[in-house]
C-alpha atoms as a PDB file:
ATOM      1  CA  MET A   1     -38.648 -19.529  58.495  1.00  0.00           C
ATOM      2  CA  THR A   2     -40.385 -18.010  61.508  1.00  0.00           C
ATOM      3  CA  ASP A   3     -43.802 -18.323  59.862  1.00  0.00           C
ATOM      4  CA  ARG A   4     -42.936 -21.886  58.781  1.00  0.00           C
ATOM      5  CA  PHE A   5     -43.932 -20.892  55.201  1.00  0.00           C
ATOM      6  CA  PHE A   6     -46.409 -23.768  55.041  1.00  0.00           C
ATOM      7  CA  GLY A   7     -49.379 -21.677  54.016  1.00  0.00           C
ATOM      8  CA  PHE A   8     -52.942 -21.678  55.254  1.00  0.00           C
ATOM      9  CA  ILE A   9     -54.013 -25.143  54.088  1.00  0.00           C
ATOM     10  CA  VAL A  10     -51.000 -26.953  55.528  1.00  0.00           C
ATOM     11  CA  ASN A  11     -51.287 -25.070  58.821  1.00  0.00           C
ATOM     12  CA  SER A  12     -54.987 -25.921  58.993  1.00  0.00           C
ATOM     13  CA  ARG A  13     -54.268 -29.605  58.436  1.00  0.00           C
ATOM     14  CA  LEU A  14     -51.460 -29.590  60.991  1.00  0.00           C
ATOM     15  CA  LYS A  15     -53.896 -28.238  63.591  1.00  0.00           C
ATOM     16  CA  GLN A  16     -56.192 -31.193  62.900  1.00  0.00           C
ATOM     17  CA  LEU A  17     -53.463 -33.694  63.765  1.00  0.00           C
ATOM     18  CA  PRO A  18     -52.588 -34.838  67.262  1.00  0.00           C
ATOM     19  CA  PRO A  19     -49.797 -32.582  68.617  1.00  0.00           C
ATOM     20  CA  TYR A  20     -47.111 -35.290  68.548  1.00  0.00           C
ATOM     21  CA  LEU A  21     -47.859 -36.056  64.874  1.00  0.00           C
ATOM     22  CA  ALA A  22     -48.099 -32.370  63.893  1.00  0.00           C
ATOM     23  CA  ASN A  23     -44.725 -31.715  65.535  1.00  0.00           C
ATOM     24  CA  LYS A  24     -43.221 -34.721  63.723  1.00  0.00           C
ATOM     25  CA  CYS A  25     -44.548 -33.406  60.375  1.00  0.00           C
ATOM     26  CA  VAL A  26     -43.148 -29.933  61.026  1.00  0.00           C
ATOM     27  CA  GLU A  27     -39.807 -31.467  61.984  1.00  0.00           C
ATOM     28  CA  ASP A  28     -39.810 -33.561  58.783  1.00  0.00           C
ATOM     29  CA  PHE A  29     -40.787 -30.585  56.598  1.00  0.00           C
ATOM     30  CA  LEU A  30     -38.073 -28.380  58.060  1.00  0.00           C
ATOM     31  CA  GLY A  31     -35.515 -31.182  57.856  1.00  0.00           C
ATOM     32  CA  PHE A  32     -36.327 -31.676  54.184  1.00  0.00           C
ATOM     33  CA  TYR A  33     -36.063 -27.931  53.591  1.00  0.00           C
ATOM     34  CA  GLU A  34     -32.636 -27.740  55.250  1.00  0.00           C
ATOM     35  CA  ARG A  35     -31.345 -30.776  53.303  1.00  0.00           C
ATOM     36  CA  ALA A  36     -32.629 -29.305  50.025  1.00  0.00           C
ATOM     37  CA  LYS A  37     -31.005 -25.946  50.797  1.00  0.00           C
ATOM     38  CA  LYS A  38     -27.703 -27.653  51.584  1.00  0.00           C
ATOM     39  CA  TYR A  39     -27.874 -29.794  48.431  1.00  0.00           C
ATOM     40  CA  ILE A  40     -28.513 -26.780  46.215  1.00  0.00           C
ATOM     41  CA  SER A  41     -25.877 -24.583  47.847  1.00  0.00           C
ATOM     42  CA  GLU A  42     -23.256 -27.332  47.465  1.00  0.00           C
ATOM     43  CA  ARG A  43     -23.962 -27.816  43.763  1.00  0.00           C
ATOM     44  CA  TYR A  44     -24.691 -24.340  42.425  1.00  0.00           C
ATOM     45  CA  ASP A  45     -22.679 -21.151  42.494  1.00  0.00           C
ATOM     46  CA  PHE A  46     -24.827 -18.335  43.833  1.00  0.00           C
ATOM     47  CA  SER A  47     -22.089 -15.734  44.010  1.00  0.00           C
ATOM     48  CA  GLU A  48     -22.783 -12.305  42.545  1.00  0.00           C
ATOM     49  CA  ASN A  49     -20.670 -12.977  39.454  1.00  0.00           C
ATOM     50  CA  SER A  50     -21.905 -16.495  38.675  1.00  0.00           C
ATOM     51  CA  PHE A  51     -23.721 -17.479  35.501  1.00  0.00           C
ATOM     52  CA  HIS A  52     -26.918 -18.223  37.461  1.00  0.00           C
ATOM     53  CA  SER A  53     -26.836 -14.825  39.117  1.00  0.00           C
ATOM     54  CA  LYS A  54     -26.455 -13.072  35.753  1.00  0.00           C
ATOM     55  CA  VAL A  55     -29.305 -14.881  33.965  1.00  0.00           C
ATOM     56  CA  ALA A  56     -31.642 -14.999  36.984  1.00  0.00           C
ATOM     57  CA  LYS A  57     -32.432 -11.336  36.327  1.00  0.00           C
ATOM     58  CA  LEU A  58     -34.266 -12.322  33.131  1.00  0.00           C
ATOM     59  CA  ASP A  59     -37.230 -13.846  34.976  1.00  0.00           C
ATOM     60  CA  LEU A  60     -39.044 -10.484  34.766  1.00  0.00           C
ATOM     61  CA  THR A  61     -40.113 -10.575  38.411  1.00  0.00           C
ATOM     62  CA  THR A  62     -38.285  -7.310  39.069  1.00  0.00           C
ATOM     63  CA  ALA A  63     -37.163  -4.437  36.884  1.00  0.00           C
ATOM     64  CA  VAL A  64     -33.997  -5.290  34.938  1.00  0.00           C
ATOM     65  CA  SER A  65     -31.411  -2.719  33.930  1.00  0.00           C
ATOM     66  CA  TYR A  66     -29.745  -2.635  30.529  1.00  0.00           C
ATOM     67  CA  GLU A  67     -26.473  -3.452  32.280  1.00  0.00           C
ATOM     68  CA  GLU A  68     -28.034  -6.635  33.686  1.00  0.00           C
ATOM     69  CA  TYR A  69     -29.211  -7.663  30.199  1.00  0.00           C
ATOM     70  CA  SER A  70     -25.736  -6.972  28.880  1.00  0.00           C
ATOM     71  CA  ASP A  71     -24.195  -9.037  31.695  1.00  0.00           C
ATOM     72  CA  ALA A  72     -26.541 -11.929  30.859  1.00  0.00           C
ATOM     73  CA  VAL A  73     -25.496 -11.827  27.185  1.00  0.00           C
ATOM     74  CA  GLN A  74     -21.851 -11.935  28.221  1.00  0.00           C
ATOM     75  CA  ALA A  75     -22.447 -14.710  30.802  1.00  0.00           C
ATOM     76  CA  CYS A  76     -24.107 -16.832  28.102  1.00  0.00           C
ATOM     77  CA  ASN A  77     -21.143 -16.119  25.831  1.00  0.00           C
ATOM     78  CA  LEU A  78     -23.512 -15.121  23.017  1.00  0.00           C
ATOM     79  CA  LYS A  79     -21.813 -13.949  19.843  1.00  0.00           C
ATOM     80  CA  ASP A  80     -23.007 -11.552  17.146  1.00  0.00           C
ATOM     81  CA  ILE A  81     -25.495  -9.785  19.409  1.00  0.00           C
ATOM     82  CA  ASP A  82     -26.360  -6.276  18.299  1.00  0.00           C
ATOM     83  CA  MET A  83     -26.005  -4.510  21.633  1.00  0.00           C
ATOM     84  CA  ASP A  84     -27.678  -1.357  20.252  1.00  0.00           C
ATOM     85  CA  GLY A  85     -30.602  -3.531  19.166  1.00  0.00           C
ATOM     86  CA  LEU A  86     -30.595  -5.086  22.627  1.00  0.00           C
ATOM     87  CA  TYR A  87     -30.879  -1.605  24.087  1.00  0.00           C
ATOM     88  CA  GLU A  88     -33.939  -0.908  21.901  1.00  0.00           C
ATOM     89  CA  GLU A  89     -35.485  -4.211  23.011  1.00  0.00           C
ATOM     90  CA  TYR A  90     -34.650  -3.283  26.594  1.00  0.00           C
ATOM     91  CA  ALA A  91     -36.512   0.017  26.265  1.00  0.00           C
ATOM     92  CA  MET A  92     -39.552  -1.819  24.878  1.00  0.00           C
ATOM     93  CA  VAL A  93     -39.502  -4.424  27.656  1.00  0.00           C
ATOM     94  CA  LYS A  94     -39.053  -1.718  30.288  1.00  0.00           C
ATOM     95  CA  ALA A  95     -42.089   0.166  28.974  1.00  0.00           C
ATOM     96  CA  SER A  96     -44.127  -3.055  28.926  1.00  0.00           C
ATOM     97  CA  PHE A  97     -42.878  -4.112  32.353  1.00  0.00           C
ATOM     98  CA  THR A  98     -44.036  -0.885  33.986  1.00  0.00           C
ATOM     99  CA  SER A  99     -47.425  -0.805  32.259  1.00  0.00           C
ATOM    100  CA  PRO A 100     -50.527  -1.077  34.475  1.00  0.00           C
ATOM    101  CA  GLU A 101     -51.602  -4.334  32.790  1.00  0.00           C
ATOM    102  CA  MET A 102     -48.447  -6.061  34.086  1.00  0.00           C
ATOM    103  CA  GLU A 103     -49.127  -5.098  37.688  1.00  0.00           C
ATOM    104  CA  GLY A 104     -49.710  -8.187  39.822  1.00  0.00           C
ATOM    105  CA  CYS A 105     -48.700 -10.622  37.061  1.00  0.00           C
ATOM    106  CA  HIS A 106     -46.383 -13.549  37.696  1.00  0.00           C
ATOM    107  CA  SER A 107     -43.220 -14.013  35.624  1.00  0.00           C
ATOM    108  CA  GLU A 108     -44.780 -16.402  33.103  1.00  0.00           C
ATOM    109  CA  GLU A 109     -47.777 -14.099  32.641  1.00  0.00           C
ATOM    110  CA  ARG A 110     -45.441 -11.191  31.960  1.00  0.00           C
ATOM    111  CA  TYR A 111     -43.620 -13.166  29.261  1.00  0.00           C
ATOM    112  CA  LEU A 112     -46.926 -14.173  27.647  1.00  0.00           C
ATOM    113  CA  LYS A 113     -48.172 -10.587  27.576  1.00  0.00           C
ATOM    114  CA  LEU A 114     -44.815  -9.307  26.383  1.00  0.00           C
ATOM    115  CA  PHE A 115     -44.590 -11.719  23.456  1.00  0.00           C
ATOM    116  CA  GLN A 116     -48.275 -11.425  22.540  1.00  0.00           C
ATOM    117  CA  SER A 117     -47.830  -7.676  22.091  1.00  0.00           C
ATOM    118  CA  ARG A 118     -45.097  -8.156  19.476  1.00  0.00           C
END
């Protein structure tokens, strides 16, 4: 919040506005952000053991442990999952995830590369 997270373009445009209008825009942006944060926190469970917490690990933005995959399967209440097969898939994903070609890729790019290699 201290850097106002507006990015270069927004900050540049704010500097072009008269100070009173720039301040009003910043106040409106931050007010919207706070209201959105409150809305989301009131409607979604973000506790460590919630469904969202368990499946959020699957976005491939950080390394995921086998235990986290297993927790996601259980959170989704999936039946007839071969957990040994899941472990093999996990090992393949882990190897792909740490490959040099994945470095700097966003989540959706990682999924595309992962599924194209299969």
